[in-house]
Amino acid sequence: MKTRTIELTNAGQEYPFTFSPTTVWFTLQARTSVDVRWSTEPEKVGAPATDPYVTLKAGTGFDSRYKNIPIRPGISLVLYFASDAAGTVVEIVEGY
């Protein structure tokens, strides 16, 4: 297991996060109480956001072990993140 972070420096801007190719599950949560948009497709979560994307609601977390997220060992998954709050930090735990 490894904990990493990504800072969403600018409000409304999309930021990519590439997982290790050995990742088999992950969890997400914002460090502060803000909504975070994320998607497996690029150019969906920046302002204005367009489907498909998921909103990680303020004060909640996400665990890929309980959802149907296609993670294939040996292939690096990329997620794209954005928030309407500048300086948002997303905590990501990767399981191997």
N, C-alpha and C. Protein backbone atom coordinates (compact mmCIF):
# COMPACT_ATOMS: atom_id res chain seq x y z
N MET A 1 0.84 -1.18 0.00
CA MET A 1 0.00 0.00 0.00
C MET A 1 0.89 1.25 0.00
N LYS A 2 0.44 2.25 -0.72
CA LYS A 2 1.19 3.51 -0.76
C LYS A 2 0.19 4.65 -0.81
N THR A 3 0.45 5.69 0.00
CA THR A 3 -0.39 6.88 -0.01
C THR A 3 0.30 7.97 -0.81
N ARG A 4 -0.45 8.56 -1.74
CA ARG A 4 0.06 9.65 -2.56
C ARG A 4 -0.97 10.77 -2.55
N THR A 5 -0.58 11.93 -3.03
CA THR A 5 -1.50 13.06 -3.12
C THR A 5 -1.36 13.74 -4.47
N ILE A 6 -2.41 14.46 -4.83
CA ILE A 6 -2.36 15.33 -5.99
C ILE A 6 -2.99 16.65 -5.58
N GLU A 7 -2.30 17.75 -5.86
CA GLU A 7 -2.84 19.07 -5.54
C GLU A 7 -3.50 19.66 -6.77
N LEU A 8 -4.75 20.06 -6.61
CA LEU A 8 -5.50 20.71 -7.68
C LEU A 8 -5.34 22.21 -7.48
N THR A 9 -4.23 22.73 -7.96
CA THR A 9 -3.79 24.10 -7.68
C THR A 9 -4.80 25.15 -8.10
N ASN A 10 -5.31 25.03 -9.32
CA ASN A 10 -6.24 26.04 -9.85
C ASN A 10 -7.67 25.51 -9.88
N ALA A 11 -8.60 26.33 -9.45
CA ALA A 11 -10.02 25.94 -9.48
C ALA A 11 -10.46 25.70 -10.91
N GLY A 12 -11.20 24.61 -11.13
CA GLY A 12 -11.77 24.33 -12.43
C GLY A 12 -10.82 23.77 -13.47
N GLN A 13 -9.56 23.56 -13.12
CA GLN A 13 -8.59 23.01 -14.06
C GLN A 13 -8.45 21.51 -13.84
N GLU A 14 -8.30 20.77 -14.93
CA GLU A 14 -8.17 19.31 -14.87
C GLU A 14 -6.71 18.91 -14.62
N TYR A 15 -6.52 17.93 -13.72
CA TYR A 15 -5.19 17.42 -13.40
C TYR A 15 -5.19 15.91 -13.52
N PRO A 16 -4.22 15.33 -14.26
CA PRO A 16 -4.15 13.87 -14.38
C PRO A 16 -3.35 13.26 -13.23
N PHE A 17 -3.71 12.03 -12.88
CA PHE A 17 -2.97 11.25 -11.90
C PHE A 17 -2.79 9.86 -12.47
N THR A 18 -1.54 9.42 -12.59
CA THR A 18 -1.24 8.10 -13.14
C THR A 18 -0.86 7.15 -12.01
N PHE A 19 -1.59 6.05 -11.93
CA PHE A 19 -1.33 5.03 -10.92
C PHE A 19 -0.14 4.17 -11.34
N SER A 20 0.48 3.55 -10.36
CA SER A 20 1.52 2.57 -10.62
C SER A 20 0.91 1.41 -11.39
N PRO A 21 1.67 0.79 -12.31
CA PRO A 21 1.12 -0.34 -13.06
C PRO A 21 0.85 -1.57 -12.19
N THR A 22 1.32 -1.56 -10.95
CA THR A 22 1.06 -2.69 -10.05
C THR A 22 -0.15 -2.47 -9.15
N THR A 23 -0.83 -1.33 -9.29
CA THR A 23 -2.01 -1.02 -8.48
C THR A 23 -3.16 -1.95 -8.86
N VAL A 24 -3.81 -2.52 -7.82
CA VAL A 24 -4.99 -3.38 -8.07
C VAL A 24 -6.25 -2.79 -7.45
N TRP A 25 -6.12 -1.83 -6.53
CA TRP A 25 -7.26 -1.11 -5.97
C TRP A 25 -6.78 0.24 -5.47
N PHE A 26 -7.74 1.16 -5.24
CA PHE A 26 -7.37 2.49 -4.73
C PHE A 26 -8.52 3.08 -3.95
N THR A 27 -8.18 4.05 -3.09
CA THR A 27 -9.18 4.86 -2.39
C THR A 27 -8.88 6.32 -2.66
N LEU A 28 -9.93 7.15 -2.58
CA LEU A 28 -9.81 8.59 -2.80
C LEU A 28 -10.52 9.34 -1.68
N GLN A 29 -9.97 10.47 -1.28
CA GLN A 29 -10.68 11.41 -0.43
C GLN A 29 -9.99 12.76 -0.51
N ALA A 30 -10.80 13.82 -0.40
CA ALA A 30 -10.23 15.16 -0.36
C ALA A 30 -9.75 15.44 1.05
N ARG A 31 -8.65 16.12 1.16
CA ARG A 31 -8.08 16.43 2.48
C ARG A 31 -8.94 17.45 3.23
N THR A 32 -9.63 18.32 2.48
CA THR A 32 -10.53 19.29 3.08
C THR A 32 -11.95 18.99 2.62
N SER A 33 -12.93 19.65 3.21
CA SER A 33 -14.32 19.36 2.92
C SER A 33 -14.80 20.12 1.67
N VAL A 34 -14.42 19.59 0.50
CA VAL A 34 -14.82 20.16 -0.78
C VAL A 34 -15.21 19.03 -1.73
N ASP A 35 -16.04 19.35 -2.72
CA ASP A 35 -16.37 18.40 -3.77
C ASP A 35 -15.21 18.29 -4.75
N VAL A 36 -14.97 17.08 -5.25
CA VAL A 36 -13.95 16.84 -6.27
C VAL A 36 -14.59 16.04 -7.39
N ARG A 37 -14.38 16.49 -8.63
CA ARG A 37 -14.85 15.74 -9.79
C ARG A 37 -13.71 14.87 -10.30
N TRP A 38 -14.06 13.63 -10.72
CA TRP A 38 -13.03 12.78 -11.32
C TRP A 38 -13.62 11.91 -12.42
N SER A 39 -12.75 11.50 -13.34
CA SER A 39 -13.18 10.70 -14.49
C SER A 39 -12.01 9.84 -14.96
N THR A 40 -12.33 8.78 -15.68
CA THR A 40 -11.30 7.98 -16.34
C THR A 40 -11.02 8.50 -17.74
N GLU A 41 -11.77 9.50 -18.17
CA GLU A 41 -11.60 10.09 -19.49
C GLU A 41 -11.09 11.53 -19.38
N PRO A 42 -10.15 11.90 -20.24
CA PRO A 42 -9.63 13.28 -20.20
C PRO A 42 -10.66 14.29 -20.70
N GLU A 43 -10.47 15.54 -20.29
CA GLU A 43 -11.28 16.69 -20.72
C GLU A 43 -12.75 16.57 -20.36
N LYS A 44 -13.02 15.99 -19.17
CA LYS A 44 -14.40 15.86 -18.70
C LYS A 44 -14.67 16.60 -17.40
N VAL A 45 -13.64 16.80 -16.57
CA VAL A 45 -13.89 17.34 -15.22
C VAL A 45 -13.54 18.81 -15.04
N GLY A 46 -12.78 19.39 -15.96
CA GLY A 46 -12.47 20.81 -15.87
C GLY A 46 -13.72 21.64 -16.10
N ALA A 47 -13.65 22.91 -15.76
CA ALA A 47 -14.83 23.78 -15.93
C ALA A 47 -14.98 24.17 -17.39
N PRO A 48 -16.15 23.99 -17.99
CA PRO A 48 -17.33 23.32 -17.43
C PRO A 48 -17.19 21.80 -17.58
N ALA A 49 -17.64 21.07 -16.57
CA ALA A 49 -17.56 19.61 -16.59
C ALA A 49 -18.62 19.04 -17.52
N THR A 50 -18.26 17.94 -18.19
CA THR A 50 -19.19 17.24 -19.07
C THR A 50 -19.14 15.74 -18.77
N ASP A 51 -20.26 15.07 -18.93
CA ASP A 51 -20.30 13.62 -18.68
C ASP A 51 -19.36 12.89 -19.62
N PRO A 52 -18.80 11.77 -19.17
CA PRO A 52 -19.01 11.11 -17.90
C PRO A 52 -17.98 11.54 -16.84
N TYR A 53 -18.45 11.83 -15.65
CA TYR A 53 -17.58 12.08 -14.51
C TYR A 53 -18.34 11.73 -13.24
N VAL A 54 -17.60 11.63 -12.13
CA VAL A 54 -18.16 11.30 -10.83
C VAL A 54 -17.81 12.44 -9.88
N THR A 55 -18.74 12.80 -9.01
CA THR A 55 -18.45 13.80 -7.97
C THR A 55 -18.19 13.09 -6.65
N LEU A 56 -16.99 13.29 -6.12
CA LEU A 56 -16.66 12.82 -4.79
C LEU A 56 -17.14 13.94 -3.86
N LYS A 57 -18.25 13.71 -3.18
CA LYS A 57 -18.88 14.74 -2.36
C LYS A 57 -18.01 15.07 -1.15
N ALA A 58 -18.07 16.31 -0.72
CA ALA A 58 -17.31 16.78 0.45
C ALA A 58 -17.54 15.86 1.64
N GLY A 59 -16.46 15.46 2.30
CA GLY A 59 -16.56 14.65 3.50
C GLY A 59 -16.76 13.16 3.24
N THR A 60 -16.69 12.73 1.98
CA THR A 60 -16.85 11.31 1.68
C THR A 60 -15.57 10.76 1.06
N GLY A 61 -15.54 9.45 0.90
CA GLY A 61 -14.41 8.78 0.27
C GLY A 61 -14.91 7.83 -0.80
N PHE A 62 -13.98 7.29 -1.57
CA PHE A 62 -14.30 6.33 -2.61
C PHE A 62 -13.32 5.18 -2.51
N ASP A 63 -13.81 3.95 -2.63
CA ASP A 63 -12.98 2.76 -2.58
C ASP A 63 -13.28 1.91 -3.81
N SER A 64 -12.31 1.74 -4.68
CA SER A 64 -12.53 1.02 -5.94
C SER A 64 -12.84 -0.45 -5.73
N ARG A 65 -12.54 -1.01 -4.56
CA ARG A 65 -12.84 -2.42 -4.30
C ARG A 65 -14.33 -2.70 -4.28
N TYR A 66 -15.14 -1.65 -4.11
CA TYR A 66 -16.59 -1.83 -4.03
C TYR A 66 -17.32 -1.29 -5.26
N LYS A 67 -16.58 -0.91 -6.28
CA LYS A 67 -17.16 -0.39 -7.51
C LYS A 67 -16.55 -1.12 -8.70
N ASN A 68 -17.14 -0.98 -9.85
CA ASN A 68 -16.65 -1.64 -11.05
C ASN A 68 -15.70 -0.71 -11.81
N ILE A 69 -14.48 -0.58 -11.31
CA ILE A 69 -13.46 0.24 -11.95
C ILE A 69 -12.46 -0.70 -12.63
N PRO A 70 -12.27 -0.57 -13.93
CA PRO A 70 -11.38 -1.50 -14.63
C PRO A 70 -9.90 -1.22 -14.34
N ILE A 71 -9.33 -2.00 -13.44
CA ILE A 71 -7.90 -1.88 -13.13
C ILE A 71 -7.25 -3.19 -13.54
N ARG A 72 -6.35 -3.11 -14.50
CA ARG A 72 -5.68 -4.30 -14.98
C ARG A 72 -4.21 -4.24 -14.60
N PRO A 73 -3.72 -5.22 -13.84
CA PRO A 73 -2.31 -5.23 -13.47
C PRO A 73 -1.41 -5.12 -14.71
N GLY A 74 -0.37 -4.32 -14.58
CA GLY A 74 0.56 -4.11 -15.67
C GLY A 74 0.21 -2.94 -16.58
N ILE A 75 -0.99 -2.37 -16.41
CA ILE A 75 -1.42 -1.23 -17.20
C ILE A 75 -1.70 -0.06 -16.26
N SER A 76 -1.10 1.07 -16.50
CA SER A 76 -1.27 2.23 -15.62
C SER A 76 -2.61 2.92 -15.88
N LEU A 77 -3.47 2.94 -14.87
CA LEU A 77 -4.73 3.67 -14.93
C LEU A 77 -4.45 5.16 -14.71
N VAL A 78 -5.13 6.01 -15.47
CA VAL A 78 -5.03 7.45 -15.29
C VAL A 78 -6.40 7.96 -14.90
N LEU A 79 -6.47 8.73 -13.81
CA LEU A 79 -7.69 9.42 -13.42
C LEU A 79 -7.46 10.91 -13.59
N TYR A 80 -8.53 11.63 -13.88
CA TYR A 80 -8.46 13.08 -14.08
C TYR A 80 -9.31 13.73 -13.00
N PHE A 81 -8.76 14.74 -12.34
CA PHE A 81 -9.40 15.39 -11.19
C PHE A 81 -9.56 16.88 -11.42
N ALA A 82 -10.60 17.45 -10.80
CA ALA A 82 -10.78 18.91 -10.77
C ALA A 82 -11.66 19.25 -9.57
N SER A 83 -11.54 20.48 -9.11
CA SER A 83 -12.36 20.98 -8.02
C SER A 83 -12.65 22.46 -8.28
N ASP A 84 -13.74 22.94 -7.73
CA ASP A 84 -14.04 24.37 -7.84
C ASP A 84 -13.32 25.18 -6.77
N ALA A 85 -12.58 24.48 -5.90
CA ALA A 85 -11.82 25.16 -4.84
C ALA A 85 -10.33 25.05 -5.15
N ALA A 86 -9.67 26.18 -5.35
CA ALA A 86 -8.23 26.18 -5.61
C ALA A 86 -7.47 25.59 -4.43
N GLY A 87 -6.41 24.85 -4.72
CA GLY A 87 -5.56 24.30 -3.68
C GLY A 87 -6.07 23.01 -3.04
N THR A 88 -7.09 22.41 -3.62
CA THR A 88 -7.63 21.16 -3.08
C THR A 88 -6.58 20.05 -3.19
N VAL A 89 -6.42 19.29 -2.13
CA VAL A 89 -5.51 18.14 -2.14
C VAL A 89 -6.35 16.87 -2.05
N VAL A 90 -6.11 15.95 -2.99
CA VAL A 90 -6.77 14.64 -2.98
C VAL A 90 -5.77 13.61 -2.49
N GLU A 91 -6.18 12.84 -1.47
CA GLU A 91 -5.36 11.76 -0.95
C GLU A 91 -5.74 10.47 -1.66
N ILE A 92 -4.74 9.78 -2.15
CA ILE A 92 -4.97 8.55 -2.92
C ILE A 92 -4.15 7.42 -2.29
N VAL A 93 -4.83 6.36 -1.90
CA VAL A 93 -4.14 5.18 -1.40
C VAL A 93 -4.18 4.13 -2.49
N GLU A 94 -3.01 3.64 -2.87
CA GLU A 94 -2.92 2.60 -3.89
C GLU A 94 -2.61 1.26 -3.21
N GLY A 95 -3.39 0.23 -3.55
CA GLY A 95 -3.13 -1.10 -3.04
C GLY A 95 -2.50 -1.96 -4.12
N TYR A 96 -1.52 -2.77 -3.72
CA TYR A 96 -0.78 -3.59 -4.69
C TYR A 96 -1.04 -5.06 -4.48
